[in-house]
């Protein structure tokens, strides 16, 4: 329970919206600050995808469906993590 409260306190700050918008912009994926923010917010599944980005891109090749899934934002407009995206890309690792 303490760990959950610590995560909530880490995420719910006055800079939440700014950080959320930064993570919602796919153009930031390869910036070091993106990985830092994912770590701060304990988004380990997305860290796994980012850490294996080259492998994912290589295996996607010219598959349009997987490319579209890859290009989706990891967070939706309500702030929910896209588990569908993760579950589609995870087998490529």
PDB file of N, CA and C in Angstrom:
ATOM      1  N   UNK A   1       0.816  -1.191   0.000  1.00  0.00           N
ATOM      2  CA  UNK A   1       0.000   0.000   0.000  1.00  0.00           C
ATOM      3  C   UNK A   1       0.862   1.259   0.000  1.00  0.00           C
ATOM      4  N   UNK A   2       1.952   1.217   0.763  1.00  0.00           N
ATOM      5  CA  UNK A   2       2.852   2.368   0.801  1.00  0.00           C
ATOM      6  C   UNK A   2       3.446   2.653  -0.570  1.00  0.00           C
ATOM      7  N   UNK A   3       3.774   1.589  -1.289  1.00  0.00           N
ATOM      8  CA  UNK A   3       4.358   1.759  -2.613  1.00  0.00           C
ATOM      9  C   UNK A   3       3.354   2.415  -3.566  1.00  0.00           C
ATOM     10  N   UNK A   4       2.104   2.019  -3.482  1.00  0.00           N
ATOM     11  CA  UNK A   4       1.055   2.610  -4.330  1.00  0.00           C
ATOM     12  C   UNK A   4       0.909   4.097  -4.012  1.00  0.00           C
ATOM     13  N   UNK A   5       0.899   4.447  -2.732  1.00  0.00           N
ATOM     14  CA  UNK A   5       0.789   5.851  -2.343  1.00  0.00           C
ATOM     15  C   UNK A   5       2.002   6.658  -2.807  1.00  0.00           C
ATOM     16  N   UNK A   6       3.169   6.048  -2.749  1.00  0.00           N
ATOM     17  CA  UNK A   6       4.380   6.732  -3.217  1.00  0.00           C
ATOM     18  C   UNK A   6       4.296   7.004  -4.715  1.00  0.00           C
ATOM     19  N   UNK A   7       3.784   6.045  -5.482  1.00  0.00           N
ATOM     20  CA  UNK A   7       3.629   6.241  -6.933  1.00  0.00           C
ATOM     21  C   UNK A   7       2.620   7.343  -7.209  1.00  0.00           C
ATOM     22  N   UNK A   8       1.504   7.331  -6.495  1.00  0.00           N
ATOM     23  CA  UNK A   8       0.496   8.375  -6.685  1.00  0.00           C
ATOM     24  C   UNK A   8       1.076   9.750  -6.376  1.00  0.00           C
ATOM     25  N   UNK A   9       1.825   9.852  -5.305  1.00  0.00           N
ATOM     26  CA  UNK A   9       2.435  11.137  -4.951  1.00  0.00           C
ATOM     27  C   UNK A   9       3.477  11.584  -5.965  1.00  0.00           C
ATOM     28  N   UNK A  10       4.154  10.640  -6.572  1.00  0.00           N
ATOM     29  CA  UNK A  10       5.151  10.962  -7.598  1.00  0.00           C
ATOM     30  C   UNK A  10       4.480  11.523  -8.849  1.00  0.00           C
ATOM     31  N   UNK A  11       3.366  10.943  -9.217  1.00  0.00           N
ATOM     32  CA  UNK A  11       2.672  11.334 -10.449  1.00  0.00           C
ATOM     33  C   UNK A  11       1.846  12.594 -10.256  1.00  0.00           C
ATOM     34  N   UNK A  12       1.165  12.702  -9.152  1.00  0.00           N
ATOM     35  CA  UNK A  12       0.233  13.827  -8.959  1.00  0.00           C
ATOM     36  C   UNK A  12       0.955  15.053  -8.408  1.00  0.00           C
ATOM     37  N   UNK A  13       1.511  15.805  -9.327  1.00  0.00           N
ATOM     38  CA  UNK A  13       2.208  17.042  -8.983  1.00  0.00           C
ATOM     39  C   UNK A  13       1.636  18.183  -9.813  1.00  0.00           C
ATOM     40  N   UNK A  14       2.088  19.382  -9.531  1.00  0.00           N
ATOM     41  CA  UNK A  14       1.610  20.540 -10.295  1.00  0.00           C
ATOM     42  C   UNK A  14       2.076  20.496 -11.742  1.00  0.00           C
ATOM     43  N   UNK A  15       3.109  19.734 -12.027  1.00  0.00           N
ATOM     44  CA  UNK A  15       3.611  19.632 -13.404  1.00  0.00           C
ATOM     45  C   UNK A  15       3.044  18.410 -14.129  1.00  0.00           C
ATOM     46  N   UNK A  16       1.991  17.801 -13.575  1.00  0.00           N
ATOM     47  CA  UNK A  16       1.414  16.596 -14.167  1.00  0.00           C
ATOM     48  C   UNK A  16       1.045  16.793 -15.631  1.00  0.00           C
ATOM     49  N   UNK A  17       0.284  17.849 -15.929  1.00  0.00           N
ATOM     50  CA  UNK A  17      -0.205  18.049 -17.293  1.00  0.00           C
ATOM     51  C   UNK A  17       0.946  18.211 -18.275  1.00  0.00           C
ATOM     52  N   UNK A  18       1.955  18.960 -17.895  1.00  0.00           N
ATOM     53  CA  UNK A  18       3.123  19.153 -18.760  1.00  0.00           C
ATOM     54  C   UNK A  18       3.827  17.824 -19.031  1.00  0.00           C
ATOM     55  N   UNK A  19       4.009  17.036 -17.990  1.00  0.00           N
ATOM     56  CA  UNK A  19       4.673  15.738 -18.149  1.00  0.00           C
ATOM     57  C   UNK A  19       3.803  14.775 -18.952  1.00  0.00           C
ATOM     58  N   UNK A  20       2.508  14.804 -18.712  1.00  0.00           N
ATOM     59  CA  UNK A  20       1.581  13.961 -19.458  1.00  0.00           C
ATOM     60  C   UNK A  20       1.628  14.299 -20.948  1.00  0.00           C
ATOM     61  N   UNK A  21       1.614  15.588 -21.279  1.00  0.00           N
ATOM     62  CA  UNK A  21       1.668  16.014 -22.678  1.00  0.00           C
ATOM     63  C   UNK A  21       2.995  15.603 -23.310  1.00  0.00           C
ATOM     64  N   UNK A  22       4.073  15.680 -22.560  1.00  0.00           N
ATOM     65  CA  UNK A  22       5.375  15.259 -23.064  1.00  0.00           C
ATOM     66  C   UNK A  22       5.360  13.769 -23.411  1.00  0.00           C
ATOM     67  N   UNK A  23       4.801  12.953 -22.512  1.00  0.00           N
ATOM     68  CA  UNK A  23       4.736  11.507 -22.768  1.00  0.00           C
ATOM     69  C   UNK A  23       3.742  11.169 -23.864  1.00  0.00           C
ATOM     70  N   UNK A  24       2.753  12.009 -24.065  1.00  0.00           N
ATOM     71  CA  UNK A  24       1.737  11.756 -25.091  1.00  0.00           C
ATOM     72  C   UNK A  24       2.224  12.082 -26.494  1.00  0.00           C
ATOM     73  N   UNK A  25       3.338  12.773 -26.603  1.00  0.00           N
ATOM     74  CA  UNK A  25       3.893  13.141 -27.901  1.00  0.00           C
ATOM     75  C   UNK A  25       4.890  12.077 -28.351  1.00  0.00           C
ATOM     76  N   UNK A  26       4.497  11.282 -29.320  1.00  0.00           N
ATOM     77  CA  UNK A  26       5.345  10.203 -29.811  1.00  0.00           C
ATOM     78  C   UNK A  26       6.692  10.655 -30.342  1.00  0.00           C
ATOM     79  N   UNK A  27       6.798  11.918 -30.728  1.00  0.00           N
ATOM     80  CA  UNK A  27       8.073  12.441 -31.228  1.00  0.00           C
ATOM     81  C   UNK A  27       9.138  12.494 -30.131  1.00  0.00           C
ATOM     82  N   UNK A  28       8.707  12.403 -28.889  1.00  0.00           N
ATOM     83  CA  UNK A  28       9.654  12.466 -27.769  1.00  0.00           C
ATOM     84  C   UNK A  28      10.199  11.109 -27.360  1.00  0.00           C
ATOM     85  N   UNK A  29       9.714  10.047 -27.967  1.00  0.00           N
ATOM     86  CA  UNK A  29      10.062   8.691 -27.524  1.00  0.00           C
ATOM     87  C   UNK A  29      11.553   8.418 -27.392  1.00  0.00           C
ATOM     88  N   UNK A  30      12.336   8.953 -28.255  1.00  0.00           N
ATOM     89  CA  UNK A  30      13.757   8.625 -28.234  1.00  0.00           C
ATOM     90  C   UNK A  30      14.595   9.644 -27.464  1.00  0.00           C
ATOM     91  N   UNK A  31      13.955  10.596 -26.824  1.00  0.00           N
ATOM     92  CA  UNK A  31      14.677  11.582 -26.013  1.00  0.00           C
ATOM     93  C   UNK A  31      14.961  10.979 -24.639  1.00  0.00           C
ATOM     94  N   UNK A  32      16.144  11.272 -24.099  1.00  0.00           N
ATOM     95  CA  UNK A  32      16.470  10.745 -22.760  1.00  0.00           C
ATOM     96  C   UNK A  32      15.452  11.163 -21.697  1.00  0.00           C
ATOM     97  N   UNK A  33      14.900  12.351 -21.817  1.00  0.00           N
ATOM     98  CA  UNK A  33      13.923  12.829 -20.833  1.00  0.00           C
ATOM     99  C   UNK A  33      12.657  11.973 -20.846  1.00  0.00           C
ATOM    100  N   UNK A  34      12.333  11.378 -21.973  1.00  0.00           N
ATOM    101  CA  UNK A  34      11.160  10.507 -22.089  1.00  0.00           C
ATOM    102  C   UNK A  34      11.344   9.276 -21.202  1.00  0.00           C
ATOM    103  N   UNK A  35      12.501   8.660 -21.314  1.00  0.00           N
ATOM    104  CA  UNK A  35      12.811   7.483 -20.499  1.00  0.00           C
ATOM    105  C   UNK A  35      12.854   7.858 -19.016  1.00  0.00           C
ATOM    106  N   UNK A  36      13.398   9.015 -18.715  1.00  0.00           N
ATOM    107  CA  UNK A  36      13.434   9.496 -17.332  1.00  0.00           C
ATOM    108  C   UNK A  36      12.031   9.650 -16.775  1.00  0.00           C
ATOM    109  N   UNK A  37      11.135  10.226 -17.581  1.00  0.00           N
ATOM    110  CA  UNK A  37       9.757  10.427 -17.130  1.00  0.00           C
ATOM    111  C   UNK A  37       9.025   9.103 -16.968  1.00  0.00           C
ATOM    112  N   UNK A  38       9.254   8.173 -17.871  1.00  0.00           N
ATOM    113  CA  UNK A  38       8.649   6.847 -17.740  1.00  0.00           C
ATOM    114  C   UNK A  38       9.097   6.181 -16.438  1.00  0.00           C
ATOM    115  N   UNK A  39      10.367   6.327 -16.119  1.00  0.00           N
ATOM    116  CA  UNK A  39      10.906   5.748 -14.890  1.00  0.00           C
ATOM    117  C   UNK A  39      10.280   6.408 -13.673  1.00  0.00           C
ATOM    118  N   UNK A  40      10.193   7.726 -13.700  1.00  0.00           N
ATOM    119  CA  UNK A  40       9.607   8.463 -12.577  1.00  0.00           C
ATOM    120  C   UNK A  40       8.163   8.042 -12.325  1.00  0.00           C
ATOM    121  N   UNK A  41       7.434   7.773 -13.387  1.00  0.00           N
ATOM    122  CA  UNK A  41       6.025   7.390 -13.268  1.00  0.00           C
ATOM    123  C   UNK A  41       5.829   5.872 -13.209  1.00  0.00           C
ATOM    124  N   UNK A  42       6.911   5.119 -13.132  1.00  0.00           N
ATOM    125  CA  UNK A  42       6.865   3.666 -12.973  1.00  0.00           C
ATOM    126  C   UNK A  42       6.140   2.967 -14.131  1.00  0.00           C
ATOM    127  N   UNK A  43       6.357   3.450 -15.344  1.00  0.00           N
ATOM    128  CA  UNK A  43       5.742   2.848 -16.532  1.00  0.00           C
ATOM    129  C   UNK A  43       6.722   1.844 -17.146  1.00  0.00           C
ATOM    130  N   UNK A  44       6.952   0.770 -16.423  1.00  0.00           N
ATOM    131  CA  UNK A  44       7.979  -0.200 -16.784  1.00  0.00           C
ATOM    132  C   UNK A  44       7.693  -0.946 -18.081  1.00  0.00           C
ATOM    133  N   UNK A  45       6.444  -1.168 -18.395  1.00  0.00           N
ATOM    134  CA  UNK A  45       6.137  -1.856 -19.648  1.00  0.00           C
ATOM    135  C   UNK A  45       6.550  -0.995 -20.843  1.00  0.00           C
ATOM    136  N   UNK A  46       6.335   0.310 -20.755  1.00  0.00           N
ATOM    137  CA  UNK A  46       6.743   1.195 -21.850  1.00  0.00           C
ATOM    138  C   UNK A  46       8.258   1.322 -21.902  1.00  0.00           C
ATOM    139  N   UNK A  47       8.899   1.298 -20.762  1.00  0.00           N
ATOM    140  CA  UNK A  47      10.368   1.318 -20.725  1.00  0.00           C
ATOM    141  C   UNK A  47      10.910   0.088 -21.457  1.00  0.00           C
ATOM    142  N   UNK A  48      10.262  -1.047 -21.247  1.00  0.00           N
ATOM    143  CA  UNK A  48      10.671  -2.274 -21.930  1.00  0.00           C
ATOM    144  C   UNK A  48      10.591  -2.106 -23.451  1.00  0.00           C
ATOM    145  N   UNK A  49       9.509  -1.495 -23.923  1.00  0.00           N
ATOM    146  CA  UNK A  49       9.369  -1.282 -25.372  1.00  0.00           C
ATOM    147  C   UNK A  49      10.412  -0.303 -25.887  1.00  0.00           C
ATOM    148  N   UNK A  50      10.613   0.798 -25.180  1.00  0.00           N
ATOM    149  CA  UNK A  50      11.588   1.813 -25.609  1.00  0.00           C
ATOM    150  C   UNK A  50      12.997   1.227 -25.609  1.00  0.00           C
ATOM    151  N   UNK A  51      13.305   0.438 -24.613  1.00  0.00           N
ATOM    152  CA  UNK A  51      14.644  -0.164 -24.522  1.00  0.00           C
ATOM    153  C   UNK A  51      14.914  -1.143 -25.657  1.00  0.00           C
ATOM    154  N   UNK A  52      13.871  -1.664 -26.244  1.00  0.00           N
ATOM    155  CA  UNK A  52      14.004  -2.628 -27.353  1.00  0.00           C
ATOM    156  C   UNK A  52      13.478  -2.047 -28.663  1.00  0.00           C
ATOM    157  N   UNK A  53      13.528  -0.739 -28.771  1.00  0.00           N
ATOM    158  CA  UNK A  53      12.955  -0.038 -29.923  1.00  0.00           C
ATOM    159  C   UNK A  53      13.523  -0.520 -31.253  1.00  0.00           C
ATOM    160  N   UNK A  54      14.838  -0.667 -31.336  1.00  0.00           N
ATOM    161  CA  UNK A  54      15.467  -1.082 -32.597  1.00  0.00           C
ATOM    162  C   UNK A  54      14.975  -2.467 -33.031  1.00  0.00           C
ATOM    163  N   UNK A  55      14.845  -3.377 -32.085  1.00  0.00           N
ATOM    164  CA  UNK A  55      14.358  -4.719 -32.385  1.00  0.00           C
ATOM    165  C   UNK A  55      12.921  -4.669 -32.879  1.00  0.00           C
ATOM    166  N   UNK A  56      12.104  -3.884 -32.211  1.00  0.00           N
ATOM    167  CA  UNK A  56      10.692  -3.756 -32.607  1.00  0.00           C
ATOM    168  C   UNK A  56      10.586  -3.202 -34.018  1.00  0.00           C
ATOM    169  N   UNK A  57      11.295  -2.139 -34.306  1.00  0.00           N
ATOM    170  CA  UNK A  57      11.240  -1.520 -35.638  1.00  0.00           C
ATOM    171  C   UNK A  57      11.714  -2.504 -36.700  1.00  0.00           C
ATOM    172  N   UNK A  58      12.778  -3.231 -36.408  1.00  0.00           N
ATOM    173  CA  UNK A  58      13.297  -4.208 -37.376  1.00  0.00           C
ATOM    174  C   UNK A  58      12.262  -5.302 -37.656  1.00  0.00           C
ATOM    175  N   UNK A  59      11.604  -5.774 -36.619  1.00  0.00           N
ATOM    176  CA  UNK A  59      10.637  -6.864 -36.797  1.00  0.00           C
ATOM    177  C   UNK A  59       9.319  -6.390 -37.401  1.00  0.00           C
ATOM    178  N   UNK A  60       8.989  -5.128 -37.201  1.00  0.00           N
ATOM    179  CA  UNK A  60       7.780  -4.581 -37.820  1.00  0.00           C
ATOM    180  C   UNK A  60       7.943  -4.554 -39.333  1.00  0.00           C
ATOM    181  N   UNK A  61       9.148  -4.184 -39.777  1.00  0.00           N
ATOM    182  CA  UNK A  61       9.470  -4.075 -41.206  1.00  0.00           C
ATOM    183  C   UNK A  61       8.405  -3.249 -41.927  1.00  0.00           C
ATOM    184  N   UNK A  62       7.728  -3.843 -42.884  1.00  0.00           N
ATOM    185  CA  UNK A  62       6.727  -3.117 -43.678  1.00  0.00           C
ATOM    186  C   UNK A  62       5.297  -3.495 -43.301  1.00  0.00           C
ATOM    187  N   UNK A  63       5.112  -4.059 -42.139  1.00  0.00           N
ATOM    188  CA  UNK A  63       3.786  -4.457 -41.689  1.00  0.00           C
ATOM    189  C   UNK A  63       3.002  -3.204 -41.267  1.00  0.00           C
ATOM    190  N   UNK A  64       2.020  -2.834 -42.086  1.00  0.00           N
ATOM    191  CA  UNK A  64       1.275  -1.589 -41.846  1.00  0.00           C
ATOM    192  C   UNK A  64       0.455  -1.619 -40.568  1.00  0.00           C
ATOM    193  N   UNK A  65      -0.089  -2.775 -40.233  1.00  0.00           N
ATOM    194  CA  UNK A  65      -0.895  -2.888 -39.006  1.00  0.00           C
ATOM    195  C   UNK A  65      -0.010  -2.669 -37.782  1.00  0.00           C
ATOM    196  N   UNK A  66       1.143  -3.340 -37.745  1.00  0.00           N
ATOM    197  CA  UNK A  66       2.049  -3.184 -36.613  1.00  0.00           C
ATOM    198  C   UNK A  66       2.650  -1.783 -36.566  1.00  0.00           C
ATOM    199  N   UNK A  67       2.895  -1.188 -37.720  1.00  0.00           N
ATOM    200  CA  UNK A  67       3.409   0.187 -37.755  1.00  0.00           C
ATOM    201  C   UNK A  67       2.399   1.139 -37.142  1.00  0.00           C
ATOM    202  N   UNK A  68       1.129   0.957 -37.474  1.00  0.00           N
ATOM    203  CA  UNK A  68       0.081   1.815 -36.915  1.00  0.00           C
ATOM    204  C   UNK A  68      -0.009   1.622 -35.399  1.00  0.00           C
ATOM    205  N   UNK A  69       0.082   0.399 -34.942  1.00  0.00           N
ATOM    206  CA  UNK A  69       0.047   0.118 -33.502  1.00  0.00           C
ATOM    207  C   UNK A  69       1.264   0.739 -32.818  1.00  0.00           C
ATOM    208  N   UNK A  70       2.423   0.586 -33.410  1.00  0.00           N
ATOM    209  CA  UNK A  70       3.657   1.149 -32.858  1.00  0.00           C
ATOM    210  C   UNK A  70       3.553   2.667 -32.727  1.00  0.00           C
ATOM    211  N   UNK A  71       2.952   3.312 -33.717  1.00  0.00           N
ATOM    212  CA  UNK A  71       2.873   4.774 -33.730  1.00  0.00           C
ATOM    213  C   UNK A  71       1.796   5.351 -32.807  1.00  0.00           C
ATOM    214  N   UNK A  72       0.941   4.500 -32.257  1.00  0.00           N
ATOM    215  CA  UNK A  72      -0.066   4.976 -31.305  1.00  0.00           C
ATOM    216  C   UNK A  72       0.627   5.514 -30.056  1.00  0.00           C
ATOM    217  N   UNK A  73      -0.047   6.446 -29.395  1.00  0.00           N
ATOM    218  CA  UNK A  73       0.469   6.946 -28.128  1.00  0.00           C
ATOM    219  C   UNK A  73       0.358   5.860 -27.063  1.00  0.00           C
ATOM    220  N   UNK A  74       1.289   5.858 -26.158  1.00  0.00           N
ATOM    221  CA  UNK A  74       1.243   4.874 -25.080  1.00  0.00           C
ATOM    222  C   UNK A  74       0.183   5.224 -24.040  1.00  0.00           C
ATOM    223  N   UNK A  75      -0.232   6.492 -23.992  1.00  0.00           N
ATOM    224  CA  UNK A  75      -1.267   6.943 -23.070  1.00  0.00           C
ATOM    225  C   UNK A  75      -2.429   7.515 -23.864  1.00  0.00           C
ATOM    226  N   UNK A  76      -3.650   7.188 -23.466  1.00  0.00           N
ATOM    227  CA  UNK A  76      -4.799   7.769 -24.155  1.00  0.00           C
ATOM    228  C   UNK A  76      -5.131   9.142 -23.562  1.00  0.00           C
ATOM    229  N   UNK A  77      -6.159   9.782 -24.070  1.00  0.00           N
ATOM    230  CA  UNK A  77      -6.494  11.144 -23.640  1.00  0.00           C
ATOM    231  C   UNK A  77      -6.919  11.218 -22.172  1.00  0.00           C
ATOM    232  N   UNK A  78      -7.299  10.087 -21.605  1.00  0.00           N
ATOM    233  CA  UNK A  78      -7.693  10.054 -20.190  1.00  0.00           C
ATOM    234  C   UNK A  78      -6.529   9.658 -19.278  1.00  0.00           C
ATOM    235  N   UNK A  79      -5.393   9.388 -19.877  1.00  0.00           N
ATOM    236  CA  UNK A  79      -4.221   9.019 -19.095  1.00  0.00           C
ATOM    237  C   UNK A  79      -4.058   7.536 -18.864  1.00  0.00           C
ATOM    238  N   UNK A  80      -4.885   6.730 -19.497  1.00  0.00           N
ATOM    239  CA  UNK A  80      -4.781   5.277 -19.348  1.00  0.00           C
ATOM    240  C   UNK A  80      -3.672   4.732 -20.238  1.00  0.00           C
ATOM    241  N   UNK A  81      -2.910   3.802 -19.692  1.00  0.00           N
ATOM    242  CA  UNK A  81      -1.862   3.172 -20.476  1.00  0.00           C
ATOM    243  C   UNK A  81      -2.492   2.234 -21.507  1.00  0.00           C
ATOM    244  N   UNK A  82      -1.938   2.207 -22.705  1.00  0.00           N
ATOM    245  CA  UNK A  82      -2.472   1.386 -23.785  1.00  0.00           C
ATOM    246  C   UNK A  82      -1.910  -0.038 -23.693  1.00  0.00           C
ATOM    247  N   UNK A  83      -2.594  -0.866 -22.905  1.00  0.00           N
ATOM    248  CA  UNK A  83      -2.163  -2.253 -22.755  1.00  0.00           C
ATOM    249  C   UNK A  83      -2.330  -3.027 -24.051  1.00  0.00           C
ATOM    250  N   UNK A  84      -3.318  -2.662 -24.870  1.00  0.00           N
ATOM    251  CA  UNK A  84      -3.493  -3.336 -26.161  1.00  0.00           C
ATOM    252  C   UNK A  84      -2.251  -3.146 -27.021  1.00  0.00           C
ATOM    253  N   UNK A  85      -1.737  -1.926 -27.048  1.00  0.00           N
ATOM    254  CA  UNK A  85      -0.522  -1.618 -27.812  1.00  0.00           C
ATOM    255  C   UNK A  85       0.646  -2.451 -27.286  1.00  0.00           C
ATOM    256  N   UNK A  86       0.816  -2.436 -25.985  1.00  0.00           N
ATOM    257  CA  UNK A  86       1.907  -3.202 -25.367  1.00  0.00           C
ATOM    258  C   UNK A  86       1.795  -4.685 -25.701  1.00  0.00           C
ATOM    259  N   UNK A  87       0.609  -5.231 -25.560  1.00  0.00           N
ATOM    260  CA  UNK A  87       0.403  -6.668 -25.815  1.00  0.00           C
ATOM    261  C   UNK A  87       0.628  -7.063 -27.270  1.00  0.00           C
ATOM    262  N   UNK A  88       0.445  -6.127 -28.188  1.00  0.00           N
ATOM    263  CA  UNK A  88       0.726  -6.410 -29.594  1.00  0.00           C
ATOM    264  C   UNK A  88       2.225  -6.319 -29.897  1.00  0.00           C
ATOM    265  N   UNK A  89       2.916  -5.388 -29.240  1.00  0.00           N
ATOM    266  CA  UNK A  89       4.331  -5.177 -29.536  1.00  0.00           C
ATOM    267  C   UNK A  89       5.253  -6.076 -28.713  1.00  0.00           C
ATOM    268  N   UNK A  90       4.848  -6.480 -27.546  1.00  0.00           N
ATOM    269  CA  UNK A  90       5.675  -7.304 -26.654  1.00  0.00           C
ATOM    270  C   UNK A  90       6.184  -8.588 -27.301  1.00  0.00           C
ATOM    271  N   UNK A  91       5.387  -9.310 -28.075  1.00  0.00           N
ATOM    272  CA  UNK A  91       5.898 -10.541 -28.703  1.00  0.00           C
ATOM    273  C   UNK A  91       7.036 -10.292 -29.704  1.00  0.00           C
ATOM    274  N   UNK A  92       7.224  -9.062 -30.140  1.00  0.00           N
ATOM    275  CA  UNK A  92       8.294  -8.766 -31.095  1.00  0.00           C
ATOM    276  C   UNK A  92       9.654  -8.701 -30.420  1.00  0.00           C
ATOM    277  N   UNK A  93       9.688  -8.679 -29.116  1.00  0.00           N
ATOM    278  CA  UNK A  93      10.968  -8.566 -28.384  1.00  0.00           C
ATOM    279  C   UNK A  93      11.704  -9.887 -28.352  1.00  0.00           C
TER     280      UNK A  93
END
